[in-house]
Amino acid sequence: MVLVELSDEEMLAFLFCVTPPLSSIRQFVTKLMMWG
């Protein structure tokens, strides 16, 4: 996997696209957004 420099918003959008809409993942992302 190639890692490229992305902004936080781009990374979140990427994660939403590649991960299934699991409640645990959505809660994790929500926590990241709250901490940011």
N, C-alpha and C. Protein backbone atom coordinates (compact mmCIF):
# COMPACT_ATOMS: atom_id res chain seq x y z
N MET A 1 0.85 -1.20 0.00
CA MET A 1 0.00 0.00 0.00
C MET A 1 0.88 1.25 0.00
N VAL A 2 0.59 2.15 -0.89
CA VAL A 2 1.37 3.38 -1.00
C VAL A 2 0.73 4.48 -0.16
N LEU A 3 1.52 5.06 0.73
CA LEU A 3 1.00 6.14 1.56
C LEU A 3 1.33 7.48 0.94
N VAL A 4 0.33 8.31 0.80
CA VAL A 4 0.55 9.65 0.25
C VAL A 4 0.12 10.68 1.27
N GLU A 5 0.63 11.88 1.12
CA GLU A 5 0.29 12.94 2.07
C GLU A 5 -1.11 13.46 1.77
N LEU A 6 -2.00 13.30 2.74
CA LEU A 6 -3.37 13.76 2.59
C LEU A 6 -3.73 14.64 3.77
N SER A 7 -4.65 15.53 3.56
CA SER A 7 -5.16 16.34 4.66
C SER A 7 -6.09 15.47 5.49
N ASP A 8 -6.43 15.90 6.69
CA ASP A 8 -7.32 15.12 7.55
C ASP A 8 -8.66 14.88 6.87
N GLU A 9 -9.18 15.90 6.20
CA GLU A 9 -10.47 15.76 5.54
C GLU A 9 -10.40 14.72 4.43
N GLU A 10 -9.32 14.74 3.66
CA GLU A 10 -9.15 13.78 2.57
C GLU A 10 -9.01 12.36 3.11
N MET A 11 -8.28 12.23 4.22
CA MET A 11 -8.09 10.91 4.81
C MET A 11 -9.41 10.35 5.32
N LEU A 12 -10.21 11.20 5.97
CA LEU A 12 -11.52 10.76 6.46
C LEU A 12 -12.41 10.33 5.30
N ALA A 13 -12.40 11.10 4.22
CA ALA A 13 -13.21 10.75 3.05
C ALA A 13 -12.74 9.42 2.47
N PHE A 14 -11.42 9.21 2.44
CA PHE A 14 -10.87 7.96 1.93
C PHE A 14 -11.31 6.79 2.80
N LEU A 15 -11.24 6.97 4.12
CA LEU A 15 -11.64 5.90 5.03
C LEU A 15 -13.11 5.56 4.87
N PHE A 16 -13.95 6.58 4.70
CA PHE A 16 -15.38 6.35 4.52
C PHE A 16 -15.63 5.56 3.25
N CYS A 17 -14.80 5.78 2.22
CA CYS A 17 -14.99 5.11 0.92
C CYS A 17 -14.54 3.65 0.98
N VAL A 18 -13.49 3.36 1.73
CA VAL A 18 -12.90 2.02 1.68
C VAL A 18 -13.35 1.12 2.82
N THR A 19 -14.02 1.68 3.82
CA THR A 19 -14.45 0.86 4.94
C THR A 19 -15.96 0.67 4.94
N PRO A 20 -16.43 -0.48 5.39
CA PRO A 20 -17.86 -0.72 5.48
C PRO A 20 -18.47 0.18 6.55
N PRO A 21 -19.74 0.53 6.40
CA PRO A 21 -20.40 1.44 7.35
C PRO A 21 -20.71 0.77 8.68
N LEU A 22 -19.68 0.27 9.34
CA LEU A 22 -19.88 -0.36 10.64
C LEU A 22 -20.00 0.71 11.72
N SER A 23 -20.89 0.45 12.67
CA SER A 23 -21.13 1.44 13.73
C SER A 23 -19.84 1.72 14.50
N SER A 24 -19.03 0.69 14.71
CA SER A 24 -17.79 0.88 15.48
C SER A 24 -16.84 1.81 14.74
N ILE A 25 -16.73 1.65 13.44
CA ILE A 25 -15.85 2.50 12.64
C ILE A 25 -16.38 3.92 12.63
N ARG A 26 -17.70 4.08 12.47
CA ARG A 26 -18.29 5.41 12.43
C ARG A 26 -18.08 6.11 13.77
N GLN A 27 -18.21 5.37 14.86
CA GLN A 27 -17.99 5.96 16.18
C GLN A 27 -16.53 6.37 16.34
N PHE A 28 -15.61 5.54 15.82
CA PHE A 28 -14.19 5.84 15.91
C PHE A 28 -13.85 7.11 15.15
N VAL A 29 -14.41 7.24 13.94
CA VAL A 29 -14.16 8.44 13.14
C VAL A 29 -14.76 9.66 13.81
N THR A 30 -15.94 9.48 14.42
CA THR A 30 -16.58 10.60 15.11
C THR A 30 -15.69 11.08 16.26
N LYS A 31 -15.08 10.13 16.98
CA LYS A 31 -14.18 10.51 18.08
C LYS A 31 -12.97 11.26 17.54
N LEU A 32 -12.43 10.80 16.41
CA LEU A 32 -11.28 11.48 15.82
C LEU A 32 -11.64 12.91 15.45
N MET A 33 -12.84 13.10 14.89
CA MET A 33 -13.26 14.44 14.48
C MET A 33 -13.45 15.33 15.70
N MET A 34 -13.96 14.75 16.80
CA MET A 34 -14.17 15.53 18.02
C MET A 34 -12.83 15.93 18.63
N TRP A 35 -11.84 15.03 18.56
CA TRP A 35 -10.52 15.33 19.14
C TRP A 35 -9.75 16.34 18.30
N GLY A 36 -10.02 16.32 16.99
CA GLY A 36 -9.26 17.17 16.06
C GLY A 36 -9.53 18.64 16.28
